[in-house]
Amino acid sequence: GTGALSRAIRYARGRATAIESIVHRDSQLRLISSQLP
């Protein structure tokens, strides 16, 4: 009843989006690196 739930959801979604972005960039870097001579 304190508004904590909606705040927790917003923060959780924000963290999930940030993690997804980091994983995606890491995957791209690994793909590029694996193809370099």
PDB file of all heavy atoms in Angstrom:
ATOM      1  N   GLY A   1       0.787  -1.221   0.000  1.00  0.00           N
ATOM      2  CA  GLY A   1       0.000   0.000   0.000  1.00  0.00           C
ATOM      3  C   GLY A   1       0.817   1.267   0.000  1.00  0.00           C
ATOM      4  O   GLY A   1       0.262   2.369   0.088  1.00  0.00           O
ATOM      5  N   THR A   2       2.122   1.172  -0.109  1.00  0.00           N
ATOM      6  CA  THR A   2       2.984   2.356  -0.018  1.00  0.00           C
ATOM      7  C   THR A   2       3.519   2.808  -1.368  1.00  0.00           C
ATOM      8  O   THR A   2       4.323   3.739  -1.425  1.00  0.00           O
ATOM      9  CB  THR A   2       4.177   2.054   0.898  1.00  0.00           C
ATOM     10  OG1 THR A   2       4.996   1.031   0.283  1.00  0.00           O
ATOM     11  CG2 THR A   2       3.719   1.579   2.269  1.00  0.00           C
ATOM     12  N   GLY A   3       3.103   2.168  -2.428  1.00  0.00           N
ATOM     13  CA  GLY A   3       3.650   2.487  -3.745  1.00  0.00           C
ATOM     14  C   GLY A   3       4.937   1.752  -4.039  1.00  0.00           C
ATOM     15  O   GLY A   3       5.535   1.922  -5.110  1.00  0.00           O
ATOM     16  N   ALA A   4       5.380   0.902  -3.105  1.00  0.00           N
ATOM     17  CA  ALA A   4       6.646   0.188  -3.285  1.00  0.00           C
ATOM     18  C   ALA A   4       6.582  -0.792  -4.446  1.00  0.00           C
ATOM     19  O   ALA A   4       7.590  -1.036  -5.115  1.00  0.00           O
ATOM     20  CB  ALA A   4       7.026  -0.541  -1.995  1.00  0.00           C
ATOM     21  N   LEU A   5       5.389  -1.364  -4.682  1.00  0.00           N
ATOM     22  CA  LEU A   5       5.284  -2.376  -5.726  1.00  0.00           C
ATOM     23  C   LEU A   5       5.544  -1.788  -7.107  1.00  0.00           C
ATOM     24  O   LEU A   5       6.339  -2.328  -7.882  1.00  0.00           O
ATOM     25  CB  LEU A   5       3.902  -3.037  -5.680  1.00  0.00           C
ATOM     26  CG  LEU A   5       3.656  -4.110  -6.752  1.00  0.00           C
ATOM     27  CD1 LEU A   5       4.704  -5.218  -6.679  1.00  0.00           C
ATOM     28  CD2 LEU A   5       2.255  -4.689  -6.606  1.00  0.00           C
ATOM     29  N   SER A   6       4.877  -0.685  -7.436  1.00  0.00           N
ATOM     30  CA  SER A   6       5.076  -0.094  -8.755  1.00  0.00           C
ATOM     31  C   SER A   6       6.505   0.404  -8.926  1.00  0.00           C
ATOM     32  O   SER A   6       7.089   0.289 -10.009  1.00  0.00           O
ATOM     33  CB  SER A   6       4.082   1.045  -9.002  1.00  0.00           C
ATOM     34  OG  SER A   6       4.212   2.050  -8.012  1.00  0.00           O
ATOM     35  N   ARG A   7       7.106   0.931  -7.846  1.00  0.00           N
ATOM     36  CA  ARG A   7       8.501   1.355  -7.924  1.00  0.00           C
ATOM     37  C   ARG A   7       9.423   0.165  -8.159  1.00  0.00           C
ATOM     38  O   ARG A   7      10.335   0.221  -8.985  1.00  0.00           O
ATOM     39  CB  ARG A   7       8.916   2.079  -6.638  1.00  0.00           C
ATOM     40  CG  ARG A   7       8.340   3.474  -6.491  1.00  0.00           C
ATOM     41  CD  ARG A   7       9.093   4.249  -5.411  1.00  0.00           C
ATOM     42  NE  ARG A   7       9.020   3.582  -4.115  1.00  0.00           N
ATOM     43  CZ  ARG A   7       8.053   3.773  -3.233  1.00  0.00           C
ATOM     44  NH1 ARG A   7       7.057   4.592  -3.523  1.00  0.00           N
ATOM     45  NH2 ARG A   7       8.072   3.146  -2.080  1.00  0.00           N
ATOM     46  N   ALA A   8       9.172  -0.920  -7.427  1.00  0.00           N
ATOM     47  CA  ALA A   8      10.004  -2.115  -7.589  1.00  0.00           C
ATOM     48  C   ALA A   8       9.912  -2.653  -9.008  1.00  0.00           C
ATOM     49  O   ALA A   8      10.915  -3.096  -9.586  1.00  0.00           O
ATOM     50  CB  ALA A   8       9.579  -3.189  -6.581  1.00  0.00           C
ATOM     51  N   ILE A   9       8.722  -2.619  -9.589  1.00  0.00           N
ATOM     52  CA  ILE A   9       8.547  -3.088 -10.960  1.00  0.00           C
ATOM     53  C   ILE A   9       9.313  -2.210 -11.938  1.00  0.00           C
ATOM     54  O   ILE A   9       9.997  -2.700 -12.853  1.00  0.00           O
ATOM     55  CB  ILE A   9       7.056  -3.150 -11.325  1.00  0.00           C
ATOM     56  CG1 ILE A   9       6.384  -4.297 -10.561  1.00  0.00           C
ATOM     57  CG2 ILE A   9       6.865  -3.336 -12.838  1.00  0.00           C
ATOM     58  CD1 ILE A   9       4.882  -4.390 -10.774  1.00  0.00           C
ATOM     59  N   ARG A  10       9.215  -0.884 -11.769  1.00  0.00           N
ATOM     60  CA  ARG A  10       9.954   0.020 -12.657  1.00  0.00           C
ATOM     61  C   ARG A  10      11.452  -0.233 -12.571  1.00  0.00           C
ATOM     62  O   ARG A  10      12.139  -0.313 -13.586  1.00  0.00           O
ATOM     63  CB  ARG A  10       9.664   1.480 -12.302  1.00  0.00           C
ATOM     64  CG  ARG A  10       8.283   1.963 -12.667  1.00  0.00           C
ATOM     65  CD  ARG A  10       8.230   3.489 -12.752  1.00  0.00           C
ATOM     66  NE  ARG A  10       8.818   4.142 -11.603  1.00  0.00           N
ATOM     67  CZ  ARG A  10       8.164   4.418 -10.481  1.00  0.00           C
ATOM     68  NH1 ARG A  10       6.896   4.058 -10.355  1.00  0.00           N
ATOM     69  NH2 ARG A  10       8.767   5.039  -9.481  1.00  0.00           N
ATOM     70  N   TYR A  11      11.962  -0.354 -11.352  1.00  0.00           N
ATOM     71  CA  TYR A  11      13.399  -0.566 -11.180  1.00  0.00           C
ATOM     72  C   TYR A  11      13.825  -1.924 -11.744  1.00  0.00           C
ATOM     73  O   TYR A  11      14.885  -2.033 -12.377  1.00  0.00           O
ATOM     74  CB  TYR A  11      13.782  -0.478  -9.699  1.00  0.00           C
ATOM     75  CG  TYR A  11      13.552   0.880  -9.081  1.00  0.00           C
ATOM     76  CD1 TYR A  11      13.347   1.027  -7.717  1.00  0.00           C
ATOM     77  CD2 TYR A  11      13.519   2.032  -9.870  1.00  0.00           C
ATOM     78  CE1 TYR A  11      13.129   2.273  -7.149  1.00  0.00           C
ATOM     79  CE2 TYR A  11      13.298   3.285  -9.308  1.00  0.00           C
ATOM     80  CZ  TYR A  11      13.098   3.396  -7.958  1.00  0.00           C
ATOM     81  OH  TYR A  11      12.881   4.637  -7.401  1.00  0.00           O
ATOM     82  N   ALA A  12      12.995  -2.944 -11.524  1.00  0.00           N
ATOM     83  CA  ALA A  12      13.329  -4.278 -12.027  1.00  0.00           C
ATOM     84  C   ALA A  12      13.362  -4.295 -13.547  1.00  0.00           C
ATOM     85  O   ALA A  12      14.246  -4.895 -14.165  1.00  0.00           O
ATOM     86  CB  ALA A  12      12.323  -5.306 -11.502  1.00  0.00           C
ATOM     87  N   ARG A  13      12.397  -3.627 -14.170  1.00  0.00           N
ATOM     88  CA  ARG A  13      12.393  -3.541 -15.641  1.00  0.00           C
ATOM     89  C   ARG A  13      13.614  -2.774 -16.144  1.00  0.00           C
ATOM     90  O   ARG A  13      14.225  -3.142 -17.152  1.00  0.00           O
ATOM     91  CB  ARG A  13      11.108  -2.865 -16.124  1.00  0.00           C
ATOM     92  CG  ARG A  13       9.911  -3.793 -16.166  1.00  0.00           C
ATOM     93  CD  ARG A  13       8.633  -3.013 -16.364  1.00  0.00           C
ATOM     94  NE  ARG A  13       8.666  -2.161 -17.556  1.00  0.00           N
ATOM     95  CZ  ARG A  13       8.266  -2.542 -18.770  1.00  0.00           C
ATOM     96  NH1 ARG A  13       7.816  -3.776 -18.944  1.00  0.00           N
ATOM     97  NH2 ARG A  13       8.305  -1.716 -19.787  1.00  0.00           N
ATOM     98  N   GLY A  14      13.973  -1.711 -15.437  1.00  0.00           N
ATOM     99  CA  GLY A  14      15.144  -0.941 -15.840  1.00  0.00           C
ATOM    100  C   GLY A  14      16.420  -1.762 -15.753  1.00  0.00           C
ATOM    101  O   GLY A  14      17.253  -1.730 -16.670  1.00  0.00           O
ATOM    102  N   ARG A  15      16.558  -2.523 -14.655  1.00  0.00           N
ATOM    103  CA  ARG A  15      17.748  -3.362 -14.513  1.00  0.00           C
ATOM    104  C   ARG A  15      17.775  -4.452 -15.576  1.00  0.00           C
ATOM    105  O   ARG A  15      18.824  -4.749 -16.155  1.00  0.00           O
ATOM    106  CB  ARG A  15      17.779  -3.991 -13.113  1.00  0.00           C
ATOM    107  CG  ARG A  15      18.141  -3.003 -12.010  1.00  0.00           C
ATOM    108  CD  ARG A  15      18.414  -3.716 -10.704  1.00  0.00           C
ATOM    109  NE  ARG A  15      17.229  -4.354 -10.168  1.00  0.00           N
ATOM    110  CZ  ARG A  15      16.403  -3.811  -9.299  1.00  0.00           C
ATOM    111  NH1 ARG A  15      16.623  -2.579  -8.876  1.00  0.00           N
ATOM    112  NH2 ARG A  15      15.359  -4.467  -8.838  1.00  0.00           N
ATOM    113  N   ALA A  16      16.621  -5.045 -15.858  1.00  0.00           N
ATOM    114  CA  ALA A  16      16.560  -6.103 -16.870  1.00  0.00           C
ATOM    115  C   ALA A  16      16.937  -5.563 -18.241  1.00  0.00           C
ATOM    116  O   ALA A  16      17.648  -6.227 -19.011  1.00  0.00           O
ATOM    117  CB  ALA A  16      15.155  -6.710 -16.905  1.00  0.00           C
ATOM    118  N   THR A  17      16.480  -4.356 -18.570  1.00  0.00           N
ATOM    119  CA  THR A  17      16.823  -3.747 -19.855  1.00  0.00           C
ATOM    120  C   THR A  17      18.316  -3.475 -19.937  1.00  0.00           C
ATOM    121  O   THR A  17      18.951  -3.718 -20.979  1.00  0.00           O
ATOM    122  CB  THR A  17      16.038  -2.436 -20.049  1.00  0.00           C
ATOM    123  OG1 THR A  17      14.636  -2.728 -20.043  1.00  0.00           O
ATOM    124  CG2 THR A  17      16.403  -1.775 -21.368  1.00  0.00           C
ATOM    125  N   ALA A  18      18.902  -2.981 -18.842  1.00  0.00           N
ATOM    126  CA  ALA A  18      20.336  -2.698 -18.836  1.00  0.00           C
ATOM    127  C   ALA A  18      21.148  -3.983 -18.993  1.00  0.00           C
ATOM    128  O   ALA A  18      22.126  -4.024 -19.753  1.00  0.00           O
ATOM    129  CB  ALA A  18      20.714  -1.985 -17.534  1.00  0.00           C
ATOM    130  N   ILE A  19      20.732  -5.045 -18.300  1.00  0.00           N
ATOM    131  CA  ILE A  19      21.441  -6.324 -18.406  1.00  0.00           C
ATOM    132  C   ILE A  19      21.342  -6.869 -19.817  1.00  0.00           C
ATOM    133  O   ILE A  19      22.328  -7.360 -20.398  1.00  0.00           O
ATOM    134  CB  ILE A  19      20.879  -7.323 -17.387  1.00  0.00           C
ATOM    135  CG1 ILE A  19      21.244  -6.889 -15.969  1.00  0.00           C
ATOM    136  CG2 ILE A  19      21.409  -8.736 -17.659  1.00  0.00           C
ATOM    137  CD1 ILE A  19      20.548  -7.682 -14.880  1.00  0.00           C
ATOM    138  N   GLU A  20      20.151  -6.785 -20.405  1.00  0.00           N
ATOM    139  CA  GLU A  20      19.965  -7.268 -21.774  1.00  0.00           C
ATOM    140  C   GLU A  20      20.860  -6.517 -22.752  1.00  0.00           C
ATOM    141  O   GLU A  20      21.451  -7.102 -23.658  1.00  0.00           O
ATOM    142  CB  GLU A  20      18.499  -7.112 -22.179  1.00  0.00           C
ATOM    143  CG  GLU A  20      18.189  -7.653 -23.570  1.00  0.00           C
ATOM    144  CD  GLU A  20      16.733  -7.484 -23.944  1.00  0.00           C
ATOM    145  OE1 GLU A  20      15.956  -6.989 -23.105  1.00  0.00           O
ATOM    146  OE2 GLU A  20      16.367  -7.830 -25.075  1.00  0.00           O
ATOM    147  N   SER A  21      20.993  -5.205 -22.549  1.00  0.00           N
ATOM    148  CA  SER A  21      21.846  -4.401 -23.415  1.00  0.00           C
ATOM    149  C   SER A  21      23.310  -4.799 -23.279  1.00  0.00           C
ATOM    150  O   SER A  21      24.030  -4.917 -24.275  1.00  0.00           O
ATOM    151  CB  SER A  21      21.671  -2.917 -23.075  1.00  0.00           C
ATOM    152  OG  SER A  21      22.530  -2.112 -23.841  1.00  0.00           O
ATOM    153  N   ILE A  22      23.749  -5.033 -22.044  1.00  0.00           N
ATOM    154  CA  ILE A  22      25.133  -5.442 -21.812  1.00  0.00           C
ATOM    155  C   ILE A  22      25.411  -6.805 -22.447  1.00  0.00           C
ATOM    156  O   ILE A  22      26.446  -7.010 -23.097  1.00  0.00           O
ATOM    157  CB  ILE A  22      25.429  -5.480 -20.300  1.00  0.00           C
ATOM    158  CG1 ILE A  22      25.417  -4.065 -19.731  1.00  0.00           C
ATOM    159  CG2 ILE A  22      26.774  -6.153 -20.021  1.00  0.00           C
ATOM    160  CD1 ILE A  22      25.459  -4.012 -18.221  1.00  0.00           C
ATOM    161  N   VAL A  23      24.489  -7.744 -22.270  1.00  0.00           N
ATOM    162  CA  VAL A  23      24.659  -9.081 -22.854  1.00  0.00           C
ATOM    163  C   VAL A  23      24.719  -8.997 -24.373  1.00  0.00           C
ATOM    164  O   VAL A  23      25.532  -9.670 -25.027  1.00  0.00           O
ATOM    165  CB  VAL A  23      23.515 -10.019 -22.402  1.00  0.00           C
ATOM    166  CG1 VAL A  23      23.533 -11.321 -23.193  1.00  0.00           C
ATOM    167  CG2 VAL A  23      23.625 -10.297 -20.911  1.00  0.00           C
ATOM    168  N   HIS A  24      23.865  -8.152 -24.958  1.00  0.00           N
ATOM    169  CA  HIS A  24      23.847  -8.001 -26.416  1.00  0.00           C
ATOM    170  C   HIS A  24      25.169  -7.425 -26.916  1.00  0.00           C
ATOM    171  O   HIS A  24      25.740  -7.920 -27.899  1.00  0.00           O
ATOM    172  CB  HIS A  24      22.686  -7.099 -26.824  1.00  0.00           C
ATOM    173  CG  HIS A  24      22.596  -6.866 -28.305  1.00  0.00           C
ATOM    174  ND1 HIS A  24      22.312  -7.871 -29.209  1.00  0.00           N
ATOM    175  CD2 HIS A  24      22.780  -5.732 -29.046  1.00  0.00           C
ATOM    176  CE1 HIS A  24      22.314  -7.377 -30.438  1.00  0.00           C
ATOM    177  NE2 HIS A  24      22.598  -6.080 -30.354  1.00  0.00           N
ATOM    178  N   ARG A  25      25.668  -6.383 -26.239  1.00  0.00           N
ATOM    179  CA  ARG A  25      26.940  -5.788 -26.655  1.00  0.00           C
ATOM    180  C   ARG A  25      28.087  -6.777 -26.497  1.00  0.00           C
ATOM    181  O   ARG A  25      28.981  -6.849 -27.343  1.00  0.00           O
ATOM    182  CB  ARG A  25      27.218  -4.515 -25.841  1.00  0.00           C
ATOM    183  CG  ARG A  25      26.340  -3.343 -26.220  1.00  0.00           C
ATOM    184  CD  ARG A  25      26.961  -2.038 -25.750  1.00  0.00           C
ATOM    185  NE  ARG A  25      27.147  -2.015 -24.315  1.00  0.00           N
ATOM    186  CZ  ARG A  25      26.264  -1.540 -23.453  1.00  0.00           C
ATOM    187  NH1 ARG A  25      25.103  -1.072 -23.879  1.00  0.00           N
ATOM    188  NH2 ARG A  25      26.516  -1.531 -22.163  1.00  0.00           N
ATOM    189  N   ASP A  26      28.067  -7.546 -25.411  1.00  0.00           N
ATOM    190  CA  ASP A  26      29.111  -8.541 -25.190  1.00  0.00           C
ATOM    191  C   ASP A  26      29.080  -9.604 -26.287  1.00  0.00           C
ATOM    192  O   ASP A  26      30.131 -10.026 -26.784  1.00  0.00           O
ATOM    193  CB  ASP A  26      28.925  -9.194 -23.820  1.00  0.00           C
ATOM    194  CG  ASP A  26      30.014 -10.200 -23.513  1.00  0.00           C
ATOM    195  OD1 ASP A  26      31.169  -9.785 -23.348  1.00  0.00           O
ATOM    196  OD2 ASP A  26      29.707 -11.409 -23.458  1.00  0.00           O
ATOM    197  N   SER A  27      27.875 -10.029 -26.675  1.00  0.00           N
ATOM    198  CA  SER A  27      27.738 -11.015 -27.747  1.00  0.00           C
ATOM    199  C   SER A  27      28.274 -10.472 -29.065  1.00  0.00           C
ATOM    200  O   SER A  27      28.971 -11.179 -29.802  1.00  0.00           O
ATOM    201  CB  SER A  27      26.263 -11.413 -27.889  1.00  0.00           C
ATOM    202  OG  SER A  27      26.088 -12.311 -28.965  1.00  0.00           O
ATOM    203  N   GLN A  28      27.964  -9.209 -29.363  1.00  0.00           N
ATOM    204  CA  GLN A  28      28.466  -8.601 -30.592  1.00  0.00           C
ATOM    205  C   GLN A  28      29.985  -8.499 -30.567  1.00  0.00           C
ATOM    206  O   GLN A  28      30.651  -8.775 -31.574  1.00  0.00           O
ATOM    207  CB  GLN A  28      27.860  -7.211 -30.771  1.00  0.00           C
ATOM    208  CG  GLN A  28      26.392  -7.213 -31.173  1.00  0.00           C
ATOM    209  CD  GLN A  28      25.879  -5.810 -31.411  1.00  0.00           C
ATOM    210  OE1 GLN A  28      26.148  -4.893 -30.644  1.00  0.00           O
ATOM    211  NE2 GLN A  28      25.133  -5.630 -32.493  1.00  0.00           N
ATOM    212  N   LEU A  29      30.541  -8.098 -29.433  1.00  0.00           N
ATOM    213  CA  LEU A  29      31.995  -7.975 -29.315  1.00  0.00           C
ATOM    214  C   LEU A  29      32.668  -9.328 -29.506  1.00  0.00           C
ATOM    215  O   LEU A  29      33.696  -9.424 -30.188  1.00  0.00           O
ATOM    216  CB  LEU A  29      32.355  -7.390 -27.952  1.00  0.00           C
ATOM    217  CG  LEU A  29      33.855  -7.263 -27.640  1.00  0.00           C
ATOM    218  CD1 LEU A  29      34.529  -6.353 -28.655  1.00  0.00           C
ATOM    219  CD2 LEU A  29      34.068  -6.748 -26.223  1.00  0.00           C
ATOM    220  N   ARG A  30      32.080 -10.365 -28.905  1.00  0.00           N
ATOM    221  CA  ARG A  30      32.668 -11.695 -29.050  1.00  0.00           C
ATOM    222  C   ARG A  30      32.604 -12.172 -30.499  1.00  0.00           C
ATOM    223  O   ARG A  30      33.540 -12.802 -31.001  1.00  0.00           O
ATOM    224  CB  ARG A  30      31.955 -12.688 -28.129  1.00  0.00           C
ATOM    225  CG  ARG A  30      32.313 -12.510 -26.669  1.00  0.00           C
ATOM    226  CD  ARG A  30      31.644 -13.539 -25.775  1.00  0.00           C
ATOM    227  NE  ARG A  30      32.134 -13.419 -24.413  1.00  0.00           N
ATOM    228  CZ  ARG A  30      33.228 -14.007 -23.959  1.00  0.00           C
ATOM    229  NH1 ARG A  30      33.952 -14.778 -24.767  1.00  0.00           N
ATOM    230  NH2 ARG A  30      33.616 -13.851 -22.719  1.00  0.00           N
ATOM    231  N   LEU A  31      31.508 -11.881 -31.183  1.00  0.00           N
ATOM    232  CA  LEU A  31      31.379 -12.277 -32.584  1.00  0.00           C
ATOM    233  C   LEU A  31      32.421 -11.576 -33.440  1.00  0.00           C
ATOM    234  O   LEU A  31      33.098 -12.198 -34.267  1.00  0.00           O
ATOM    235  CB  LEU A  31      29.975 -11.948 -33.091  1.00  0.00           C
ATOM    236  CG  LEU A  31      29.704 -12.244 -34.572  1.00  0.00           C
ATOM    237  CD1 LEU A  31      29.881 -13.724 -34.869  1.00  0.00           C
ATOM    238  CD2 LEU A  31      28.310 -11.783 -34.961  1.00  0.00           C
ATOM    239  N   ILE A  32      32.564 -10.264 -33.248  1.00  0.00           N
ATOM    240  CA  ILE A  32      33.551  -9.508 -34.019  1.00  0.00           C
ATOM    241  C   ILE A  32      34.966  -9.988 -33.705  1.00  0.00           C
ATOM    242  O   ILE A  32      35.785 -10.210 -34.601  1.00  0.00           O
ATOM    243  CB  ILE A  32      33.414  -8.002 -33.723  1.00  0.00           C
ATOM    244  CG1 ILE A  32      32.075  -7.475 -34.256  1.00  0.00           C
ATOM    245  CG2 ILE A  32      34.573  -7.215 -34.343  1.00  0.00           C
ATOM    246  CD1 ILE A  32      31.753  -6.066 -33.807  1.00  0.00           C
ATOM    247  N   SER A  33      35.246 -10.182 -32.412  1.00  0.00           N
ATOM    248  CA  SER A  33      36.588 -10.595 -32.005  1.00  0.00           C
ATOM    249  C   SER A  33      36.952 -11.961 -32.550  1.00  0.00           C
ATOM    250  O   SER A  33      38.100 -12.207 -32.935  1.00  0.00           O
ATOM    251  CB  SER A  33      36.692 -10.597 -30.474  1.00  0.00           C
ATOM    252  OG  SER A  33      36.443  -9.318 -29.951  1.00  0.00           O
ATOM    253  N   SER A  34      35.965 -12.861 -32.586  1.00  0.00           N
ATOM    254  CA  SER A  34      36.246 -14.222 -33.054  1.00  0.00           C
ATOM    255  C   SER A  34      36.567 -14.262 -34.534  1.00  0.00           C
ATOM    256  O   SER A  34      37.165 -15.225 -35.024  1.00  0.00           O
ATOM    257  CB  SER A  34      35.051 -15.133 -32.760  1.00  0.00           C
ATOM    258  OG  SER A  34      33.931 -14.765 -33.549  1.00  0.00           O
ATOM    259  N   GLN A  35      36.190 -13.228 -35.285  1.00  0.00           N
ATOM    260  CA  GLN A  35      36.424 -13.200 -36.723  1.00  0.00           C
ATOM    261  C   GLN A  35      37.648 -12.384 -37.116  1.00  0.00           C
ATOM    262  O   GLN A  35      38.028 -12.356 -38.286  1.00  0.00           O
ATOM    263  CB  GLN A  35      35.176 -12.637 -37.426  1.00  0.00           C
ATOM    264  CG  GLN A  35      33.953 -13.512 -37.239  1.00  0.00           C
ATOM    265  CD  GLN A  35      32.692 -12.875 -37.784  1.00  0.00           C
ATOM    266  OE1 GLN A  35      32.666 -11.680 -38.062  1.00  0.00           O
ATOM    267  NE2 GLN A  35      31.641 -13.664 -37.942  1.00  0.00           N
ATOM    268  N   LEU A  36      38.259 -11.715 -36.150  1.00  0.00           N
ATOM    269  CA  LEU A  36      39.420 -10.892 -36.461  1.00  0.00           C
ATOM    270  C   LEU A  36      40.646 -11.768 -36.728  1.00  0.00           C
ATOM    271  O   LEU A  36      40.823 -12.812 -36.101  1.00  0.00           O
ATOM    272  CB  LEU A  36      39.729  -9.957 -35.291  1.00  0.00           C
ATOM    273  CG  LEU A  36      38.768  -8.793 -35.046  1.00  0.00           C
ATOM    274  CD1 LEU A  36      39.164  -8.079 -33.763  1.00  0.00           C
ATOM    275  CD2 LEU A  36      38.774  -7.834 -36.217  1.00  0.00           C
ATOM    276  N   PRO A  37      41.531 -11.337 -37.658  1.00  0.00           N
ATOM    277  CA  PRO A  37      42.798 -12.066 -37.869  1.00  0.00           C
ATOM    278  C   PRO A  37      43.791 -11.697 -36.768  1.00  0.00           C
ATOM    279  O   PRO A  37      44.893 -11.216 -37.011  1.00  0.00           O
ATOM    280  CB  PRO A  37      43.239 -11.557 -39.245  1.00  0.00           C
ATOM    281  CG  PRO A  37      42.706 -10.173 -39.309  1.00  0.00           C
ATOM    282  CD  PRO A  37      41.374 -10.219 -38.588  1.00  0.00           C
TER     283      PRO A  37
END
